[in-house]
PDB file of N, CA and C in Angstrom:
ATOM      1  N   MET A   1     -34.577  27.516 -23.565  1.00  0.00           N
ATOM      2  CA  MET A   1     -34.341  26.333 -22.750  1.00  0.00           C
ATOM      3  C   MET A   1     -35.463  26.184 -21.728  1.00  0.00           C
ATOM      4  N   CYS A   2     -35.895  24.975 -21.530  1.00  0.00           N
ATOM      5  CA  CYS A   2     -37.002  24.694 -20.618  1.00  0.00           C
ATOM      6  C   CYS A   2     -36.505  24.667 -19.174  1.00  0.00           C
ATOM      7  N   GLU A   3     -37.269  25.272 -18.292  1.00  0.00           N
ATOM      8  CA  GLU A   3     -36.879  25.314 -16.883  1.00  0.00           C
ATOM      9  C   GLU A   3     -37.685  24.353 -16.019  1.00  0.00           C
ATOM     10  N   ILE A   4     -38.556  23.562 -16.628  1.00  0.00           N
ATOM     11  CA  ILE A   4     -39.320  22.561 -15.881  1.00  0.00           C
ATOM     12  C   ILE A   4     -38.363  21.442 -15.470  1.00  0.00           C
ATOM     13  N   THR A   5     -38.505  20.977 -14.230  1.00  0.00           N
ATOM     14  CA  THR A   5     -37.633  19.922 -13.721  1.00  0.00           C
ATOM     15  C   THR A   5     -38.384  18.595 -13.622  1.00  0.00           C
ATOM     16  N   LYS A   6     -37.613  17.523 -13.564  1.00  0.00           N
ATOM     17  CA  LYS A   6     -38.215  16.199 -13.355  1.00  0.00           C
ATOM     18  C   LYS A   6     -38.999  16.182 -12.051  1.00  0.00           C
ATOM     19  N   GLU A   7     -38.454  16.834 -11.033  1.00  0.00           N
ATOM     20  CA  GLU A   7     -39.134  16.858  -9.736  1.00  0.00           C
ATOM     21  C   GLU A   7     -40.522  17.478  -9.865  1.00  0.00           C
ATOM     22  N   GLN A   8     -40.659  18.537 -10.650  1.00  0.00           N
ATOM     23  CA  GLN A   8     -41.973  19.148 -10.861  1.00  0.00           C
ATOM     24  C   GLN A   8     -42.932  18.160 -11.519  1.00  0.00           C
ATOM     25  N   VAL A   9     -42.424  17.407 -12.468  1.00  0.00           N
ATOM     26  CA  VAL A   9     -43.262  16.419 -13.147  1.00  0.00           C
ATOM     27  C   VAL A   9     -43.666  15.323 -12.164  1.00  0.00           C
ATOM     28  N   PHE A  10     -42.714  14.839 -11.384  1.00  0.00           N
ATOM     29  CA  PHE A  10     -43.025  13.803 -10.400  1.00  0.00           C
ATOM     30  C   PHE A  10     -44.024  14.321  -9.362  1.00  0.00           C
ATOM     31  N   GLU A  11     -43.873  15.569  -8.945  1.00  0.00           N
ATOM     32  CA  GLU A  11     -44.831  16.157  -8.005  1.00  0.00           C
ATOM     33  C   GLU A  11     -46.223  16.223  -8.619  1.00  0.00           C
ATOM     34  N   ALA A  12     -46.301  16.570  -9.891  1.00  0.00           N
ATOM     35  CA  ALA A  12     -47.602  16.632 -10.564  1.00  0.00           C
ATOM     36  C   ALA A  12     -48.254  15.256 -10.608  1.00  0.00           C
ATOM     37  N   THR A  13     -47.461  14.216 -10.853  1.00  0.00           N
ATOM     38  CA  THR A  13     -48.037  12.872 -10.913  1.00  0.00           C
ATOM     39  C   THR A  13     -48.500  12.393  -9.543  1.00  0.00           C
ATOM     40  N   ALA A  14     -47.980  13.002  -8.489  1.00  0.00           N
ATOM     41  CA  ALA A  14     -48.403  12.632  -7.136  1.00  0.00           C
ATOM     42  C   ALA A  14     -49.832  13.072  -6.847  1.00  0.00           C
ATOM     43  N   THR A  15     -50.421  13.872  -7.723  1.00  0.00           N
ATOM     44  CA  THR A  15     -51.819  14.274  -7.543  1.00  0.00           C
ATOM     45  C   THR A  15     -52.777  13.246  -8.128  1.00  0.00           C
ATOM     46  N   VAL A  16     -52.241  12.243  -8.822  1.00  0.00           N
ATOM     47  CA  VAL A  16     -53.080  11.213  -9.442  1.00  0.00           C
ATOM     48  C   VAL A  16     -53.130  10.000  -8.517  1.00  0.00           C
ATOM     49  N   ILE A  17     -54.329   9.642  -8.109  1.00  0.00           N
ATOM     50  CA  ILE A  17     -54.536   8.533  -7.179  1.00  0.00           C
ATOM     51  C   ILE A  17     -54.931   7.277  -7.948  1.00  0.00           C
ATOM     52  N   ASP A  18     -54.290   6.161  -7.615  1.00  0.00           N
ATOM     53  CA  ASP A  18     -54.708   4.873  -8.170  1.00  0.00           C
ATOM     54  C   ASP A  18     -55.991   4.485  -7.447  1.00  0.00           C
ATOM     55  N   PRO A  19     -57.128   4.478  -8.133  1.00  0.00           N
ATOM     56  CA  PRO A  19     -58.405   4.252  -7.458  1.00  0.00           C
ATOM     57  C   PRO A  19     -58.559   2.859  -6.866  1.00  0.00           C
ATOM     58  N   GLU A  20     -57.769   1.905  -7.317  1.00  0.00           N
ATOM     59  CA  GLU A  20     -57.880   0.552  -6.777  1.00  0.00           C
ATOM     60  C   GLU A  20     -57.277   0.436  -5.383  1.00  0.00           C
ATOM     61  N   VAL A  21     -56.232   1.207  -5.104  1.00  0.00           N
ATOM     62  CA  VAL A  21     -55.554   1.077  -3.809  1.00  0.00           C
ATOM     63  C   VAL A  21     -55.554   2.359  -2.987  1.00  0.00           C
ATOM     64  N   GLY A  22     -55.883   3.483  -3.607  1.00  0.00           N
ATOM     65  CA  GLY A  22     -55.993   4.736  -2.867  1.00  0.00           C
ATOM     66  C   GLY A  22     -54.692   5.479  -2.622  1.00  0.00           C
ATOM     67  N   PHE A  23     -53.621   5.073  -3.277  1.00  0.00           N
ATOM     68  CA  PHE A  23     -52.341   5.763  -3.145  1.00  0.00           C
ATOM     69  C   PHE A  23     -52.022   6.474  -4.454  1.00  0.00           C
ATOM     70  N   ASN A  24     -51.185   7.527  -4.358  1.00  0.00           N
ATOM     71  CA  ASN A  24     -50.847   8.228  -5.596  1.00  0.00           C
ATOM     72  C   ASN A  24     -49.794   7.449  -6.383  1.00  0.00           C
ATOM     73  N   LEU A  25     -49.732   7.756  -7.668  1.00  0.00           N
ATOM     74  CA  LEU A  25     -48.854   7.005  -8.566  1.00  0.00           C
ATOM     75  C   LEU A  25     -47.385   7.149  -8.209  1.00  0.00           C
ATOM     76  N   ARG A  26     -47.016   8.302  -7.674  1.00  0.00           N
ATOM     77  CA  ARG A  26     -45.611   8.502  -7.304  1.00  0.00           C
ATOM     78  C   ARG A  26     -45.227   7.592  -6.143  1.00  0.00           C
ATOM     79  N   GLU A  27     -46.051   7.582  -5.080  1.00  0.00           N
ATOM     80  CA  GLU A  27     -45.701   6.754  -3.927  1.00  0.00           C
ATOM     81  C   GLU A  27     -45.841   5.263  -4.230  1.00  0.00           C
ATOM     82  N   MET A  28     -46.639   4.928  -5.242  1.00  0.00           N
ATOM     83  CA  MET A  28     -46.747   3.534  -5.678  1.00  0.00           C
ATOM     84  C   MET A  28     -45.495   3.095  -6.443  1.00  0.00           C
ATOM     85  N   GLY A  29     -44.707   4.060  -6.915  1.00  0.00           N
ATOM     86  CA  GLY A  29     -43.518   3.728  -7.696  1.00  0.00           C
ATOM     87  C   GLY A  29     -43.840   3.421  -9.149  1.00  0.00           C
ATOM     88  N   LEU A  30     -44.978   3.915  -9.619  1.00  0.00           N
ATOM     89  CA  LEU A  30     -45.419   3.639 -10.985  1.00  0.00           C
ATOM     90  C   LEU A  30     -44.851   4.616 -12.012  1.00  0.00           C
ATOM     91  N   ILE A  31     -44.290   5.734 -11.547  1.00  0.00           N
ATOM     92  CA  ILE A  31     -43.703   6.717 -12.456  1.00  0.00           C
ATOM     93  C   ILE A  31     -42.208   6.437 -12.543  1.00  0.00           C
ATOM     94  N   TYR A  32     -41.746   6.049 -13.719  1.00  0.00           N
ATOM     95  CA  TYR A  32     -40.348   5.670 -13.898  1.00  0.00           C
ATOM     96  C   TYR A  32     -39.452   6.830 -14.297  1.00  0.00           C
ATOM     97  N   ASP A  33     -39.941   7.713 -15.154  1.00  0.00           N
ATOM     98  CA  ASP A  33     -39.067   8.770 -15.656  1.00  0.00           C
ATOM     99  C   ASP A  33     -39.905   9.901 -16.234  1.00  0.00           C
ATOM    100  N   ALA A  34     -39.270  11.037 -16.391  1.00  0.00           N
ATOM    101  CA  ALA A  34     -39.862  12.184 -17.079  1.00  0.00           C
ATOM    102  C   ALA A  34     -38.784  12.735 -18.001  1.00  0.00           C
ATOM    103  N   ILE A  35     -39.103  12.792 -19.268  1.00  0.00           N
ATOM    104  CA  ILE A  35     -38.166  13.300 -20.264  1.00  0.00           C
ATOM    105  C   ILE A  35     -38.677  14.661 -20.709  1.00  0.00           C
ATOM    106  N   ILE A  36     -37.857  15.681 -20.507  1.00  0.00           N
ATOM    107  CA  ILE A  36     -38.272  17.056 -20.778  1.00  0.00           C
ATOM    108  C   ILE A  36     -37.417  17.612 -21.905  1.00  0.00           C
ATOM    109  N   GLY A  37     -38.075  17.977 -22.990  1.00  0.00           N
ATOM    110  CA  GLY A  37     -37.372  18.529 -24.142  1.00  0.00           C
ATOM    111  C   GLY A  37     -37.111  20.015 -23.977  1.00  0.00           C
ATOM    112  N   GLU A  38     -36.269  20.568 -24.845  1.00  0.00           N
ATOM    113  CA  GLU A  38     -35.923  21.988 -24.778  1.00  0.00           C
ATOM    114  C   GLU A  38     -37.133  22.894 -24.929  1.00  0.00           C
ATOM    115  N   SER A  39     -38.140  22.444 -25.665  1.00  0.00           N
ATOM    116  CA  SER A  39     -39.349  23.256 -25.854  1.00  0.00           C
ATOM    117  C   SER A  39     -40.408  22.954 -24.796  1.00  0.00           C
ATOM    118  N   CYS A  40     -40.005  22.269 -23.741  1.00  0.00           N
ATOM    119  CA  CYS A  40     -40.874  21.915 -22.609  1.00  0.00           C
ATOM    120  C   CYS A  40     -41.942  20.885 -22.957  1.00  0.00           C
ATOM    121  N   ASN A  41     -41.742  20.153 -24.057  1.00  0.00           N
ATOM    122  CA  ASN A  41     -42.576  18.983 -24.292  1.00  0.00           C
ATOM    123  C   ASN A  41     -42.111  17.911 -23.315  1.00  0.00           C
ATOM    124  N   ILE A  42     -43.056  17.183 -22.737  1.00  0.00           N
ATOM    125  CA  ILE A  42     -42.739  16.258 -21.653  1.00  0.00           C
ATOM    126  C   ILE A  42     -43.274  14.875 -21.990  1.00  0.00           C
ATOM    127  N   THR A  43     -42.433  13.869 -21.804  1.00  0.00           N
ATOM    128  CA  THR A  43     -42.868  12.480 -21.895  1.00  0.00           C
ATOM    129  C   THR A  43     -42.734  11.868 -20.512  1.00  0.00           C
ATOM    130  N   VAL A  44     -43.834  11.362 -19.995  1.00  0.00           N
ATOM    131  CA  VAL A  44     -43.832  10.660 -18.719  1.00  0.00           C
ATOM    132  C   VAL A  44     -43.778   9.170 -19.034  1.00  0.00           C
ATOM    133  N   VAL A  45     -42.783   8.488 -18.472  1.00  0.00           N
ATOM    134  CA  VAL A  45     -42.647   7.048 -18.650  1.00  0.00           C
ATOM    135  C   VAL A  45     -43.119   6.394 -17.360  1.00  0.00           C
ATOM    136  N   MET A  46     -44.131   5.562 -17.496  1.00  0.00           N
ATOM    137  CA  MET A  46     -44.728   4.967 -16.303  1.00  0.00           C
ATOM    138  C   MET A  46     -45.180   3.543 -16.595  1.00  0.00           C
ATOM    139  N   THR A  47     -45.641   2.884 -15.563  1.00  0.00           N
ATOM    140  CA  THR A  47     -46.230   1.567 -15.710  1.00  0.00           C
ATOM    141  C   THR A  47     -47.508   1.531 -14.892  1.00  0.00           C
ATOM    142  N   LEU A  48     -48.165   0.411 -14.916  1.00  0.00           N
ATOM    143  CA  LEU A  48     -49.342   0.175 -14.088  1.00  0.00           C
ATOM    144  C   LEU A  48     -49.069  -1.077 -13.273  1.00  0.00           C
ATOM    145  N   SER A  49     -49.817  -1.268 -12.197  1.00  0.00           N
ATOM    146  CA  SER A  49     -49.538  -2.401 -11.319  1.00  0.00           C
ATOM    147  C   SER A  49     -49.853  -3.736 -11.980  1.00  0.00           C
ATOM    148  N   THR A  50     -50.778  -3.734 -12.938  1.00  0.00           N
ATOM    149  CA  THR A  50     -51.094  -4.957 -13.679  1.00  0.00           C
ATOM    150  C   THR A  50     -51.354  -4.615 -15.140  1.00  0.00           C
ATOM    151  N   ARG A  51     -51.013  -5.525 -16.019  1.00  0.00           N
ATOM    152  CA  ARG A  51     -51.243  -5.303 -17.450  1.00  0.00           C
ATOM    153  C   ARG A  51     -52.723  -5.193 -17.777  1.00  0.00           C
ATOM    154  N   GLY A  52     -53.551  -5.888 -17.041  1.00  0.00           N
ATOM    155  CA  GLY A  52     -54.982  -5.897 -17.329  1.00  0.00           C
ATOM    156  C   GLY A  52     -55.753  -4.803 -16.625  1.00  0.00           C
ATOM    157  N   CYS A  53     -55.078  -3.767 -16.201  1.00  0.00           N
ATOM    158  CA  CYS A  53     -55.742  -2.687 -15.464  1.00  0.00           C
ATOM    159  C   CYS A  53     -56.896  -2.119 -16.301  1.00  0.00           C
ATOM    160  N   PRO A  54     -58.134  -2.191 -15.776  1.00  0.00           N
ATOM    161  CA  PRO A  54     -59.277  -1.692 -16.539  1.00  0.00           C
ATOM    162  C   PRO A  54     -59.286  -0.171 -16.686  1.00  0.00           C
ATOM    163  N   LEU A  55     -58.492   0.516 -15.889  1.00  0.00           N
ATOM    164  CA  LEU A  55     -58.453   1.981 -15.920  1.00  0.00           C
ATOM    165  C   LEU A  55     -57.235   2.510 -16.667  1.00  0.00           C
ATOM    166  N   HIS A  56     -56.598   1.665 -17.442  1.00  0.00           N
ATOM    167  CA  HIS A  56     -55.361   1.999 -18.165  1.00  0.00           C
ATOM    168  C   HIS A  56     -55.454   3.369 -18.856  1.00  0.00           C
ATOM    169  N   GLN A  57     -56.405   3.536 -19.744  1.00  0.00           N
ATOM    170  CA  GLN A  57     -56.502   4.777 -20.516  1.00  0.00           C
ATOM    171  C   GLN A  57     -56.877   5.959 -19.625  1.00  0.00           C
ATOM    172  N   MET A  58     -57.737   5.716 -18.647  1.00  0.00           N
ATOM    173  CA  MET A  58     -58.164   6.787 -17.752  1.00  0.00           C
ATOM    174  C   MET A  58     -56.979   7.311 -16.931  1.00  0.00           C
ATOM    175  N   ILE A  59     -56.162   6.401 -16.419  1.00  0.00           N
ATOM    176  CA  ILE A  59     -55.002   6.810 -15.625  1.00  0.00           C
ATOM    177  C   ILE A  59     -54.013   7.583 -16.493  1.00  0.00           C
ATOM    178  N   LYS A  60     -53.785   7.138 -17.723  1.00  0.00           N
ATOM    179  CA  LYS A  60     -52.910   7.885 -18.640  1.00  0.00           C
ATOM    180  C   LYS A  60     -53.430   9.309 -18.835  1.00  0.00           C
ATOM    181  N   THR A  61     -54.729   9.438 -19.012  1.00  0.00           N
ATOM    182  CA  THR A  61     -55.334  10.760 -19.200  1.00  0.00           C
ATOM    183  C   THR A  61     -55.155  11.613 -17.957  1.00  0.00           C
ATOM    184  N   TRP A  62     -55.360  11.036 -16.786  1.00  0.00           N
ATOM    185  CA  TRP A  62     -55.192  11.790 -15.535  1.00  0.00           C
ATOM    186  C   TRP A  62     -53.760  12.286 -15.389  1.00  0.00           C
ATOM    187  N   VAL A  63     -52.779  11.436 -15.710  1.00  0.00           N
ATOM    188  CA  VAL A  63     -51.372  11.838 -15.625  1.00  0.00           C
ATOM    189  C   VAL A  63     -51.102  12.972 -16.609  1.00  0.00           C
ATOM    190  N   GLN A  64     -51.574  12.829 -17.828  1.00  0.00           N
ATOM    191  CA  GLN A  64     -51.370  13.873 -18.831  1.00  0.00           C
ATOM    192  C   GLN A  64     -51.960  15.192 -18.357  1.00  0.00           C
ATOM    193  N   GLU A  65     -53.182  15.162 -17.858  1.00  0.00           N
ATOM    194  CA  GLU A  65     -53.834  16.389 -17.397  1.00  0.00           C
ATOM    195  C   GLU A  65     -53.090  17.011 -16.219  1.00  0.00           C
ATOM    196  N   ALA A  66     -52.588  16.185 -15.306  1.00  0.00           N
ATOM    197  CA  ALA A  66     -51.855  16.701 -14.141  1.00  0.00           C
ATOM    198  C   ALA A  66     -50.566  17.393 -14.572  1.00  0.00           C
ATOM    199  N   VAL A  67     -49.838  16.788 -15.498  1.00  0.00           N
ATOM    200  CA  VAL A  67     -48.564  17.354 -15.948  1.00  0.00           C
ATOM    201  C   VAL A  67     -48.794  18.598 -16.802  1.00  0.00           C
ATOM    202  N   GLU A  68     -49.875  18.622 -17.560  1.00  0.00           N
ATOM    203  CA  GLU A  68     -50.188  19.802 -18.379  1.00  0.00           C
ATOM    204  C   GLU A  68     -50.432  21.046 -17.526  1.00  0.00           C
ATOM    205  N   LYS A  69     -50.744  20.868 -16.249  1.00  0.00           N
ATOM    206  CA  LYS A  69     -50.983  22.002 -15.347  1.00  0.00           C
ATOM    207  C   LYS A  69     -49.694  22.702 -14.925  1.00  0.00           C
ATOM    208  N   ILE A  70     -48.549  22.073 -15.172  1.00  0.00           N
ATOM    209  CA  ILE A  70     -47.271  22.704 -14.834  1.00  0.00           C
ATOM    210  C   ILE A  70     -47.111  23.937 -15.711  1.00  0.00           C
ATOM    211  N   ASP A  71     -46.815  25.056 -15.076  1.00  0.00           N
ATOM    212  CA  ASP A  71     -46.646  26.308 -15.810  1.00  0.00           C
ATOM    213  C   ASP A  71     -45.548  26.164 -16.858  1.00  0.00           C
ATOM    214  N   GLY A  72     -45.889  26.430 -18.107  1.00  0.00           N
ATOM    215  CA  GLY A  72     -44.919  26.374 -19.190  1.00  0.00           C
ATOM    216  C   GLY A  72     -44.830  25.035 -19.899  1.00  0.00           C
ATOM    217  N   ALA A  73     -45.598  24.044 -19.441  1.00  0.00           N
ATOM    218  CA  ALA A  73     -45.538  22.724 -20.075  1.00  0.00           C
ATOM    219  C   ALA A  73     -46.019  22.799 -21.514  1.00  0.00           C
ATOM    220  N   GLY A  74     -45.310  22.102 -22.387  1.00  0.00           N
ATOM    221  CA  GLY A  74     -45.709  22.002 -23.788  1.00  0.00           C
ATOM    222  C   GLY A  74     -46.597  20.789 -23.982  1.00  0.00           C
ATOM    223  N   ILE A  75     -46.341  20.065 -25.038  1.00  0.00           N
ATOM    224  CA  ILE A  75     -47.104  18.847 -25.317  1.00  0.00           C
ATOM    225  C   ILE A  75     -46.680  17.775 -24.319  1.00  0.00           C
ATOM    226  N   VAL A  76     -47.667  17.104 -23.728  1.00  0.00           N
ATOM    227  CA  VAL A  76     -47.389  16.059 -22.744  1.00  0.00           C
ATOM    228  C   VAL A  76     -47.826  14.716 -23.324  1.00  0.00           C
ATOM    229  N   ASP A  77     -46.902  13.766 -23.295  1.00  0.00           N
ATOM    230  CA  ASP A  77     -47.186  12.406 -23.745  1.00  0.00           C
ATOM    231  C   ASP A  77     -46.938  11.472 -22.572  1.00  0.00           C
ATOM    232  N   VAL A  78     -47.789  10.473 -22.433  1.00  0.00           N
ATOM    233  CA  VAL A  78     -47.629   9.485 -21.369  1.00  0.00           C
ATOM    234  C   VAL A  78     -47.400   8.132 -22.025  1.00  0.00           C
ATOM    235  N   GLU A  79     -46.254   7.554 -21.726  1.00  0.00           N
ATOM    236  CA  GLU A  79     -45.878   6.262 -22.300  1.00  0.00           C
ATOM    237  C   GLU A  79     -45.928   5.200 -21.208  1.00  0.00           C
ATOM    238  N   VAL A  80     -46.781   4.201 -21.397  1.00  0.00           N
ATOM    239  CA  VAL A  80     -46.868   3.094 -20.447  1.00  0.00           C
ATOM    240  C   VAL A  80     -45.955   1.978 -20.938  1.00  0.00           C
ATOM    241  N   VAL A  81     -45.059   1.542 -20.059  1.00  0.00           N
ATOM    242  CA  VAL A  81     -44.120   0.466 -20.377  1.00  0.00           C
ATOM    243  C   VAL A  81     -44.353  -0.692 -19.406  1.00  0.00           C
ATOM    244  N   TRP A  82     -43.943  -1.862 -19.815  1.00  0.00           N
ATOM    245  CA  TRP A  82     -44.139  -3.048 -18.966  1.00  0.00           C
ATOM    246  C   TRP A  82     -42.823  -3.625 -18.471  1.00  0.00           C
ATOM    247  N   GLU A  83     -41.720  -3.047 -18.882  1.00  0.00           N
ATOM    248  CA  GLU A  83     -40.407  -3.472 -18.403  1.00  0.00           C
ATOM    249  C   GLU A  83     -39.675  -2.254 -17.891  1.00  0.00           C
ATOM    250  N   PRO A  84     -39.155  -2.268 -16.704  1.00  0.00           N
ATOM    251  CA  PRO A  84     -39.271  -3.371 -15.759  1.00  0.00           C
ATOM    252  C   PRO A  84     -40.692  -3.475 -15.214  1.00  0.00           C
ATOM    253  N   ALA A  85     -41.101  -4.689 -14.954  1.00  0.00           N
ATOM    254  CA  ALA A  85     -42.438  -4.923 -14.406  1.00  0.00           C
ATOM    255  C   ALA A  85     -42.504  -4.356 -12.991  1.00  0.00           C
ATOM    256  N   TRP A  86     -43.622  -3.722 -12.678  1.00  0.00           N
ATOM    257  CA  TRP A  86     -43.796  -3.156 -11.346  1.00  0.00           C
ATOM    258  C   TRP A  86     -43.888  -4.272 -10.318  1.00  0.00           C
ATOM    259  N   ASN A  87     -43.312  -4.017  -9.155  1.00  0.00           N
ATOM    260  CA  ASN A  87     -43.495  -4.908  -8.010  1.00  0.00           C
ATOM    261  C   ASN A  87     -43.496  -4.054  -6.755  1.00  0.00           C
ATOM    262  N   ILE A  88     -43.969  -4.621  -5.679  1.00  0.00           N
ATOM    263  CA  ILE A  88     -44.198  -3.868  -4.442  1.00  0.00           C
ATOM    264  C   ILE A  88     -42.924  -3.217  -3.906  1.00  0.00           C
ATOM    265  N   SER A  89     -41.758  -3.756  -4.217  1.00  0.00           N
ATOM    266  CA  SER A  89     -40.519  -3.156  -3.709  1.00  0.00           C
ATOM    267  C   SER A  89     -40.280  -1.761  -4.285  1.00  0.00           C
ATOM    268  N   MET A  90     -40.991  -1.398  -5.355  1.00  0.00           N
ATOM    269  CA  MET A  90     -40.840  -0.079  -5.973  1.00  0.00           C
ATOM    270  C   MET A  90     -41.638   0.998  -5.249  1.00  0.00           C
ATOM    271  N   ALA A  91     -42.552   0.582  -4.390  1.00  0.00           N
ATOM    272  CA  ALA A  91     -43.414   1.523  -3.674  1.00  0.00           C
ATOM    273  C   ALA A  91     -42.701   2.060  -2.436  1.00  0.00           C
ATOM    274  N   ASP A  92     -43.222   3.190  -1.921  1.00  0.00           N
ATOM    275  CA  ASP A  92     -42.629   3.713  -0.691  1.00  0.00           C
ATOM    276  C   ASP A  92     -43.116   2.889   0.503  1.00  0.00           C
ATOM    277  N   ASP A  93     -42.517   3.125   1.665  1.00  0.00           N
ATOM    278  CA  ASP A  93     -42.773   2.286   2.833  1.00  0.00           C
ATOM    279  C   ASP A  93     -44.230   2.292   3.284  1.00  0.00           C
ATOM    280  N   ASN A  94     -44.909   3.439   3.211  1.00  0.00           N
ATOM    281  CA  ASN A  94     -46.314   3.489   3.622  1.00  0.00           C
ATOM    282  C   ASN A  94     -47.178   2.589   2.747  1.00  0.00           C
ATOM    283  N   VAL A  95     -46.914   2.583   1.467  1.00  0.00           N
ATOM    284  CA  VAL A  95     -47.674   1.735   0.543  1.00  0.00           C
ATOM    285  C   VAL A  95     -47.378   0.268   0.829  1.00  0.00           C
ATOM    286  N   LYS A  96     -46.111  -0.060   0.999  1.00  0.00           N
ATOM    287  CA  LYS A  96     -45.738  -1.448   1.283  1.00  0.00           C
ATOM    288  C   LYS A  96     -46.452  -1.949   2.529  1.00  0.00           C
ATOM    289  N   GLU A  97     -46.442  -1.143   3.575  1.00  0.00           N
ATOM    290  CA  GLU A  97     -47.075  -1.539   4.828  1.00  0.00           C
ATOM    291  C   GLU A  97     -48.574  -1.740   4.648  1.00  0.00           C
ATOM    292  N   ALA A  98     -49.214  -0.805   3.976  1.00  0.00           N
ATOM    293  CA  ALA A  98     -50.663  -0.887   3.789  1.00  0.00           C
ATOM    294  C   ALA A  98     -51.052  -2.089   2.931  1.00  0.00           C
ATOM    295  N   LEU A  99     -50.311  -2.325   1.865  1.00  0.00           N
ATOM    296  CA  LEU A  99     -50.651  -3.434   0.979  1.00  0.00           C
ATOM    297  C   LEU A  99     -50.291  -4.783   1.578  1.00  0.00           C
ATOM    298  N   ALA A 100     -49.430  -4.768   2.592  1.00  0.00           N
ATOM    299  CA  ALA A 100     -49.070  -6.008   3.275  1.00  0.00           C
ATOM    300  C   ALA A 100     -50.049  -6.322   4.401  1.00  0.00           C
ATOM    301  N   GLY A 101     -51.046  -5.463   4.584  1.00  0.00           N
ATOM    302  CA  GLY A 101     -52.059  -5.734   5.591  1.00  0.00           C
ATOM    303  C   GLY A 101     -52.055  -4.781   6.761  1.00  0.00           C
ATOM    304  N   GLY A 102     -51.086  -3.885   6.813  1.00  0.00           N
ATOM    305  CA  GLY A 102     -51.062  -2.879   7.871  1.00  0.00           C
ATOM    306  C   GLY A 102     -51.901  -1.696   7.460  1.00  0.00           C
ATOM    307  N   SER A 103     -51.739  -0.602   8.140  1.00  0.00           N
ATOM    308  CA  SER A 103     -52.445   0.613   7.736  1.00  0.00           C
ATOM    309  C   SER A 103     -51.413   1.683   7.431  1.00  0.00           C
ATOM    310  N   PRO A 104     -51.673   2.502   6.428  1.00  0.00           N
ATOM    311  CA  PRO A 104     -50.689   3.525   6.057  1.00  0.00           C
ATOM    312  C   PRO A 104     -50.489   4.543   7.166  1.00  0.00           C
ATOM    313  N   GLN A 105     -49.289   5.096   7.229  1.00  0.00           N
ATOM    314  CA  GLN A 105     -48.979   6.137   8.209  1.00  0.00           C
ATOM    315  C   GLN A 105     -49.035   7.474   7.502  1.00  0.00           C
ATOM    316  N   PHE A 106     -50.048   8.251   7.802  1.00  0.00           N
ATOM    317  CA  PHE A 106     -50.191   9.543   7.127  1.00  0.00           C
ATOM    318  C   PHE A 106     -49.600  10.640   7.945  1.00  0.00           C
TER     319      PHE A 106
END
C-alpha cells in the first residue's frame, strides 16, 4: 500500500512557479486533484490559467519532475483539464490581491 498523501503531492506542486505571474501553482489554485494508486503511481489533475498558455508542456514537465521527487513515487502523469475553467476565485488571497493590483503579502 502506498503511503504518499495528497498533501505531499500538493506540497510538491507548490515548488512550481507560474513564470507569467510569479506565484506557485498551488497558491494559484491550478492543481485540482492528486490520484495516488496502490503502487504509488500518481496522476496530478490540473489546469492552466489560459488555454493558449505558451508554456503548457513546460509546466506539465515541471509538475511531473516535482512530484517524482517525492520519496517512493512511482510513475507520475500530469493531466491538464479545462473544466472547471480556472478563475481568480480559485487562487489564495495573496494571489487575488496581487493580481487585482495590490502587492502580495509574503
